[in-house]
């Protein structure tokens, strides 16, 4: 009888641990190194502003790096919202794009096919600045 209880407890714990271990881990956002970026182009509506100032770039990278992962998945090339800010990291060898947007009073960064991350309103407003 005791062996049966021990075996069923063991099986139950094994199932729980397996479910916990297999739960999808939300990884932090993956961003390029500041020194690899030649400029950041921000497109909002019809306006595109290019930033090549290394101080500005490093501040934006630091702000975006502190974004919080959400459980939402990114399954498209661009966010499924009406209005968003397109952020293009320009390198010597190409471009990497992420998007920022507001949805139901919350602000997000979306990295296509990687994840959706929560940001604060100050970062969102800073990305909207055109000067």
N, C-alpha and C. Protein backbone atom coordinates (compact mmCIF):
# COMPACT_ATOMS: atom_id res chain seq x y z
N UNK A 1 0.83 -1.20 0.00
CA UNK A 1 0.00 0.00 0.00
C UNK A 1 0.88 1.27 0.00
N UNK A 2 1.88 1.29 0.86
CA UNK A 2 2.79 2.44 0.94
C UNK A 2 3.55 2.62 -0.37
N UNK A 3 3.96 1.54 -0.98
CA UNK A 3 4.66 1.59 -2.26
C UNK A 3 3.77 2.18 -3.34
N UNK A 4 2.48 1.82 -3.33
CA UNK A 4 1.54 2.34 -4.32
C UNK A 4 1.37 3.86 -4.17
N UNK A 5 1.27 4.34 -2.91
CA UNK A 5 1.14 5.78 -2.65
C UNK A 5 2.41 6.50 -3.13
N UNK A 6 3.56 5.93 -2.80
CA UNK A 6 4.83 6.54 -3.19
C UNK A 6 4.94 6.62 -4.72
N UNK A 7 4.55 5.54 -5.39
CA UNK A 7 4.62 5.50 -6.85
C UNK A 7 3.67 6.52 -7.47
N UNK A 8 2.45 6.64 -6.97
CA UNK A 8 1.50 7.60 -7.54
C UNK A 8 1.94 9.04 -7.25
N UNK A 9 2.51 9.28 -6.07
CA UNK A 9 3.04 10.62 -5.75
C UNK A 9 4.21 10.95 -6.68
N UNK A 10 5.09 9.99 -6.89
CA UNK A 10 6.23 10.18 -7.78
C UNK A 10 5.76 10.50 -9.21
N UNK A 11 4.78 9.75 -9.71
CA UNK A 11 4.26 10.00 -11.06
C UNK A 11 3.61 11.37 -11.16
N UNK A 12 2.88 11.75 -10.13
CA UNK A 12 2.23 13.06 -10.12
C UNK A 12 3.27 14.19 -10.15
N UNK A 13 4.29 14.09 -9.31
CA UNK A 13 5.35 15.09 -9.29
C UNK A 13 6.11 15.15 -10.61
N UNK A 14 6.34 14.00 -11.20
CA UNK A 14 7.02 13.94 -12.50
C UNK A 14 6.21 14.68 -13.56
N UNK A 15 4.90 14.48 -13.56
CA UNK A 15 4.03 15.16 -14.53
C UNK A 15 4.07 16.67 -14.33
N UNK A 16 3.98 17.11 -13.09
CA UNK A 16 3.99 18.55 -12.78
C UNK A 16 5.33 19.16 -13.21
N UNK A 17 6.43 18.52 -12.85
CA UNK A 17 7.74 19.05 -13.23
C UNK A 17 7.93 19.08 -14.74
N UNK A 18 7.42 18.09 -15.44
CA UNK A 18 7.52 18.07 -16.89
C UNK A 18 6.75 19.23 -17.49
N UNK A 19 5.54 19.47 -16.99
CA UNK A 19 4.74 20.58 -17.51
C UNK A 19 5.41 21.92 -17.25
N UNK A 20 5.97 22.09 -16.06
CA UNK A 20 6.65 23.35 -15.72
C UNK A 20 7.89 23.54 -16.59
N UNK A 21 8.66 22.49 -16.75
CA UNK A 21 9.90 22.57 -17.53
C UNK A 21 9.63 22.82 -19.01
N UNK A 22 8.50 22.33 -19.50
CA UNK A 22 8.19 22.49 -20.92
C UNK A 22 7.45 23.78 -21.22
N UNK A 23 7.08 24.52 -20.18
CA UNK A 23 6.39 25.79 -20.41
C UNK A 23 7.30 26.71 -21.20
N UNK A 24 6.71 27.46 -22.13
CA UNK A 24 7.53 28.30 -23.00
C UNK A 24 8.17 29.43 -22.20
N UNK A 25 9.46 29.49 -22.25
CA UNK A 25 10.19 30.55 -21.57
C UNK A 25 10.17 31.78 -22.49
N UNK A 26 9.90 32.93 -21.89
CA UNK A 26 9.88 34.16 -22.68
C UNK A 26 11.26 34.78 -22.57
N UNK A 27 11.93 34.84 -23.69
CA UNK A 27 13.30 35.36 -23.71
C UNK A 27 13.29 36.88 -23.77
N UNK A 28 14.31 37.52 -23.23
CA UNK A 28 14.42 38.97 -23.37
C UNK A 28 14.64 39.35 -24.84
N UNK A 29 14.37 40.59 -25.16
CA UNK A 29 14.50 41.05 -26.54
C UNK A 29 15.97 40.96 -26.98
N UNK A 30 16.18 40.58 -28.24
CA UNK A 30 17.52 40.47 -28.79
C UNK A 30 17.80 41.71 -29.64
N UNK A 31 18.78 42.48 -29.22
CA UNK A 31 19.11 43.72 -29.93
C UNK A 31 20.56 43.70 -30.39
N UNK A 32 20.84 44.44 -31.46
CA UNK A 32 22.23 44.52 -31.92
C UNK A 32 23.09 45.32 -30.94
N UNK A 33 24.39 45.12 -31.02
CA UNK A 33 25.33 45.90 -30.22
C UNK A 33 25.35 47.33 -30.77
N UNK A 34 25.44 48.30 -29.87
CA UNK A 34 25.43 49.71 -30.26
C UNK A 34 26.50 50.03 -31.30
N UNK A 35 27.70 49.46 -31.13
CA UNK A 35 28.79 49.78 -32.05
C UNK A 35 28.62 49.16 -33.44
N UNK A 36 27.67 48.23 -33.58
CA UNK A 36 27.39 47.64 -34.90
C UNK A 36 26.42 48.50 -35.70
N UNK A 37 25.70 49.39 -35.03
CA UNK A 37 24.64 50.18 -35.67
C UNK A 37 25.24 51.45 -36.27
N UNK A 38 24.97 51.67 -37.57
CA UNK A 38 25.44 52.91 -38.20
C UNK A 38 24.41 54.02 -38.00
N UNK A 39 23.11 53.65 -37.99
CA UNK A 39 22.06 54.62 -37.70
C UNK A 39 20.77 53.88 -37.35
N UNK A 40 19.83 54.62 -36.77
CA UNK A 40 18.49 54.09 -36.51
C UNK A 40 17.51 54.99 -37.25
N UNK A 41 16.73 54.38 -38.14
CA UNK A 41 15.71 55.12 -38.87
C UNK A 41 14.36 54.85 -38.21
N UNK A 42 13.69 55.94 -37.82
CA UNK A 42 12.39 55.83 -37.17
C UNK A 42 11.34 56.34 -38.14
N UNK A 43 10.37 55.48 -38.50
CA UNK A 43 9.30 55.87 -39.40
C UNK A 43 7.98 55.86 -38.64
N UNK A 44 7.32 57.01 -38.64
CA UNK A 44 6.01 57.13 -37.99
C UNK A 44 5.10 57.86 -38.97
N UNK A 45 4.11 57.14 -39.48
CA UNK A 45 3.25 57.73 -40.52
C UNK A 45 4.07 57.94 -41.78
N UNK A 46 4.06 59.17 -42.27
CA UNK A 46 4.80 59.50 -43.50
C UNK A 46 6.22 59.99 -43.22
N UNK A 47 6.54 60.21 -41.96
CA UNK A 47 7.83 60.81 -41.60
C UNK A 47 8.87 59.77 -41.21
N UNK A 48 10.09 59.92 -41.76
CA UNK A 48 11.21 59.08 -41.36
C UNK A 48 12.32 59.99 -40.87
N UNK A 49 12.83 59.68 -39.68
CA UNK A 49 13.94 60.44 -39.10
C UNK A 49 15.09 59.46 -38.89
N UNK A 50 16.28 59.86 -39.36
CA UNK A 50 17.45 59.02 -39.21
C UNK A 50 18.33 59.57 -38.09
N UNK A 51 18.70 58.70 -37.15
CA UNK A 51 19.56 59.09 -36.02
C UNK A 51 20.88 58.35 -36.14
N UNK A 52 21.98 59.12 -36.22
CA UNK A 52 23.30 58.46 -36.28
C UNK A 52 24.16 58.84 -35.08
N UNK A 53 23.63 59.66 -34.17
CA UNK A 53 24.36 60.05 -32.96
C UNK A 53 24.52 58.84 -32.04
N UNK A 54 25.76 58.47 -31.76
CA UNK A 54 26.04 57.25 -30.97
C UNK A 54 25.45 57.32 -29.56
N UNK A 55 25.42 58.52 -28.98
CA UNK A 55 24.84 58.66 -27.63
C UNK A 55 23.36 58.36 -27.68
N UNK A 56 22.65 58.94 -28.65
CA UNK A 56 21.20 58.71 -28.80
C UNK A 56 20.94 57.23 -29.05
N UNK A 57 21.74 56.63 -29.93
CA UNK A 57 21.57 55.21 -30.25
C UNK A 57 21.75 54.34 -29.00
N UNK A 58 22.80 54.59 -28.23
CA UNK A 58 23.04 53.77 -27.04
C UNK A 58 21.94 53.95 -26.00
N UNK A 59 21.40 55.17 -25.87
CA UNK A 59 20.29 55.41 -24.92
C UNK A 59 19.04 54.65 -25.35
N UNK A 60 18.74 54.68 -26.65
CA UNK A 60 17.55 53.98 -27.16
C UNK A 60 17.71 52.47 -26.99
N UNK A 61 18.90 51.94 -27.31
CA UNK A 61 19.16 50.51 -27.15
C UNK A 61 18.99 50.12 -25.67
N UNK A 62 19.52 50.94 -24.77
CA UNK A 62 19.40 50.66 -23.33
C UNK A 62 17.93 50.68 -22.91
N UNK A 63 17.17 51.66 -23.38
CA UNK A 63 15.74 51.75 -23.03
C UNK A 63 14.96 50.54 -23.57
N UNK A 64 15.22 50.18 -24.81
CA UNK A 64 14.50 49.03 -25.40
C UNK A 64 14.93 47.74 -24.70
N UNK A 65 16.20 47.64 -24.32
CA UNK A 65 16.70 46.44 -23.63
C UNK A 65 15.98 46.19 -22.31
N UNK A 66 15.49 47.26 -21.68
CA UNK A 66 14.82 47.10 -20.39
C UNK A 66 13.33 46.76 -20.55
N UNK A 67 12.90 46.52 -21.78
CA UNK A 67 11.49 46.15 -22.00
C UNK A 67 11.20 44.79 -21.38
N UNK A 68 9.95 44.63 -20.94
CA UNK A 68 9.56 43.38 -20.26
C UNK A 68 8.92 42.42 -21.25
N UNK A 69 9.38 41.16 -21.28
CA UNK A 69 8.74 40.18 -22.16
C UNK A 69 7.28 39.96 -21.76
N UNK A 70 6.43 39.73 -22.76
CA UNK A 70 5.03 39.37 -22.51
C UNK A 70 4.86 37.93 -22.98
N UNK A 71 3.71 37.38 -22.73
CA UNK A 71 3.44 36.00 -23.19
C UNK A 71 2.87 36.01 -24.62
N UNK A 72 2.71 37.23 -25.19
CA UNK A 72 2.17 37.33 -26.55
C UNK A 72 3.23 36.90 -27.55
N UNK A 73 2.78 36.29 -28.63
CA UNK A 73 3.70 35.86 -29.68
C UNK A 73 3.60 36.76 -30.90
N UNK A 74 4.71 36.96 -31.56
CA UNK A 74 4.75 37.71 -32.81
C UNK A 74 4.75 36.70 -33.95
N UNK A 75 3.70 36.73 -34.76
CA UNK A 75 3.57 35.73 -35.83
C UNK A 75 3.43 36.38 -37.21
N UNK A 76 3.70 37.68 -37.31
CA UNK A 76 3.61 38.39 -38.58
C UNK A 76 4.84 39.26 -38.81
N UNK A 77 4.95 39.77 -40.04
CA UNK A 77 6.06 40.67 -40.38
C UNK A 77 5.94 42.01 -39.68
N UNK A 78 4.70 42.44 -39.40
CA UNK A 78 4.49 43.70 -38.70
C UNK A 78 3.26 43.56 -37.79
N UNK A 79 3.15 44.43 -36.79
CA UNK A 79 2.06 44.31 -35.82
C UNK A 79 0.68 44.46 -36.47
N UNK A 80 -0.30 43.79 -35.89
CA UNK A 80 -1.67 43.86 -36.38
C UNK A 80 -2.43 44.96 -35.64
N UNK A 81 -1.93 46.18 -35.75
CA UNK A 81 -2.57 47.35 -35.16
C UNK A 81 -2.63 48.43 -36.23
N UNK A 82 -3.51 49.40 -36.02
CA UNK A 82 -3.69 50.45 -37.04
C UNK A 82 -2.46 51.34 -37.21
N UNK A 83 -1.84 51.70 -36.10
CA UNK A 83 -0.75 52.67 -36.16
C UNK A 83 0.46 52.14 -35.39
N UNK A 84 1.63 52.21 -36.00
CA UNK A 84 2.84 51.77 -35.31
C UNK A 84 4.04 52.58 -35.78
N UNK A 85 5.10 52.51 -34.99
CA UNK A 85 6.36 53.16 -35.31
C UNK A 85 7.30 52.06 -35.79
N UNK A 86 7.89 52.25 -36.95
CA UNK A 86 8.86 51.29 -37.49
C UNK A 86 10.26 51.76 -37.12
N UNK A 87 11.03 50.86 -36.53
CA UNK A 87 12.38 51.20 -36.08
C UNK A 87 13.36 50.30 -36.84
N UNK A 88 14.15 50.91 -37.71
CA UNK A 88 15.12 50.17 -38.51
C UNK A 88 16.53 50.41 -37.98
N UNK A 89 17.17 49.35 -37.53
CA UNK A 89 18.58 49.43 -37.14
C UNK A 89 19.39 49.20 -38.40
N UNK A 90 20.18 50.20 -38.79
CA UNK A 90 20.99 50.11 -40.01
C UNK A 90 22.41 49.67 -39.64
N UNK A 91 22.93 48.69 -40.39
CA UNK A 91 24.29 48.19 -40.20
C UNK A 91 25.05 48.36 -41.51
N UNK A 92 26.33 48.09 -41.46
CA UNK A 92 27.13 48.08 -42.69
C UNK A 92 26.58 47.04 -43.66
N UNK A 93 26.05 45.94 -43.11
CA UNK A 93 25.65 44.80 -43.96
C UNK A 93 24.15 44.58 -44.07
N UNK A 94 23.33 45.48 -43.58
CA UNK A 94 21.89 45.25 -43.70
C UNK A 94 21.08 46.01 -42.67
N UNK A 95 19.86 45.52 -42.45
CA UNK A 95 18.90 46.20 -41.58
C UNK A 95 18.18 45.19 -40.70
N UNK A 96 17.87 45.59 -39.48
CA UNK A 96 17.03 44.81 -38.58
C UNK A 96 15.89 45.72 -38.15
N UNK A 97 14.66 45.20 -38.18
CA UNK A 97 13.49 46.04 -37.91
C UNK A 97 12.69 45.53 -36.71
N UNK A 98 12.28 46.47 -35.86
CA UNK A 98 11.32 46.20 -34.80
C UNK A 98 10.24 47.27 -34.89
N UNK A 99 9.15 47.09 -34.16
CA UNK A 99 8.04 48.02 -34.20
C UNK A 99 7.62 48.40 -32.78
N UNK A 100 7.14 49.65 -32.63
CA UNK A 100 6.58 50.10 -31.35
C UNK A 100 5.14 50.52 -31.62
N UNK A 101 4.26 50.21 -30.67
CA UNK A 101 2.86 50.62 -30.83
C UNK A 101 2.15 50.67 -29.49
N UNK A 102 0.98 51.32 -29.53
CA UNK A 102 0.12 51.42 -28.36
C UNK A 102 -1.08 50.55 -28.60
N UNK A 103 -1.49 49.79 -27.59
CA UNK A 103 -2.67 48.93 -27.70
C UNK A 103 -3.37 48.91 -26.35
N UNK A 104 -4.60 49.39 -26.33
CA UNK A 104 -5.42 49.43 -25.11
C UNK A 104 -4.71 50.13 -23.95
N UNK A 105 -4.05 51.25 -24.26
CA UNK A 105 -3.41 52.04 -23.22
C UNK A 105 -2.06 51.52 -22.75
N UNK A 106 -1.58 50.44 -23.36
CA UNK A 106 -0.26 49.90 -23.02
C UNK A 106 0.64 50.03 -24.24
N UNK A 107 1.95 50.06 -24.00
CA UNK A 107 2.91 50.28 -25.07
C UNK A 107 3.80 49.06 -25.24
N UNK A 108 4.07 48.74 -26.50
CA UNK A 108 4.80 47.51 -26.81
C UNK A 108 5.86 47.73 -27.88
N UNK A 109 6.88 46.88 -27.81
CA UNK A 109 7.87 46.71 -28.89
C UNK A 109 7.60 45.32 -29.42
N UNK A 110 7.52 45.18 -30.75
CA UNK A 110 7.35 43.86 -31.34
C UNK A 110 8.54 43.57 -32.24
N UNK A 111 9.16 42.43 -31.98
CA UNK A 111 10.25 41.96 -32.82
C UNK A 111 9.68 40.80 -33.63
N UNK A 112 9.49 41.01 -34.95
CA UNK A 112 8.80 40.01 -35.76
C UNK A 112 9.33 38.59 -35.56
N UNK A 113 8.41 37.68 -35.28
CA UNK A 113 8.67 36.26 -35.08
C UNK A 113 9.52 35.93 -33.84
N UNK A 114 9.85 36.95 -33.05
CA UNK A 114 10.65 36.72 -31.84
C UNK A 114 9.82 36.92 -30.58
N UNK A 115 9.07 38.03 -30.51
CA UNK A 115 8.29 38.28 -29.30
C UNK A 115 7.73 39.68 -29.25
N UNK A 116 6.90 39.90 -28.24
CA UNK A 116 6.29 41.20 -27.98
C UNK A 116 6.68 41.59 -26.56
N UNK A 117 7.14 42.82 -26.40
CA UNK A 117 7.70 43.28 -25.13
C UNK A 117 7.03 44.57 -24.71
N UNK A 118 6.78 44.69 -23.40
CA UNK A 118 6.13 45.88 -22.87
C UNK A 118 7.16 46.97 -22.62
N UNK A 119 6.83 48.20 -23.03
CA UNK A 119 7.71 49.35 -22.79
C UNK A 119 6.91 50.43 -22.06
N UNK A 120 7.59 51.45 -21.58
CA UNK A 120 6.87 52.53 -20.91
C UNK A 120 6.52 53.63 -21.91
N UNK A 121 5.60 54.49 -21.50
CA UNK A 121 5.11 55.54 -22.40
C UNK A 121 6.20 56.54 -22.76
N UNK A 122 7.17 56.78 -21.85
CA UNK A 122 8.24 57.74 -22.16
C UNK A 122 9.07 57.29 -23.35
N UNK A 123 9.40 56.00 -23.42
CA UNK A 123 10.16 55.49 -24.56
C UNK A 123 9.34 55.63 -25.84
N UNK A 124 8.06 55.28 -25.77
CA UNK A 124 7.19 55.40 -26.94
C UNK A 124 7.15 56.84 -27.43
N UNK A 125 6.98 57.78 -26.50
CA UNK A 125 6.93 59.21 -26.88
C UNK A 125 8.26 59.67 -27.45
N UNK A 126 9.36 59.17 -26.90
CA UNK A 126 10.68 59.55 -27.42
C UNK A 126 10.87 59.06 -28.85
N UNK A 127 10.35 57.87 -29.14
CA UNK A 127 10.47 57.34 -30.50
C UNK A 127 9.64 58.15 -31.49
N UNK A 128 8.59 58.81 -31.00
CA UNK A 128 7.72 59.62 -31.88
C UNK A 128 8.32 60.99 -32.19
N UNK A 129 9.30 61.41 -31.43
CA UNK A 129 9.89 62.75 -31.65
C UNK A 129 10.53 62.81 -33.03
N UNK A 130 10.33 63.94 -33.70
CA UNK A 130 10.83 64.07 -35.07
C UNK A 130 12.06 64.94 -35.19
N UNK A 131 12.65 65.34 -34.05
CA UNK A 131 13.87 66.16 -34.18
C UNK A 131 15.07 65.48 -33.60
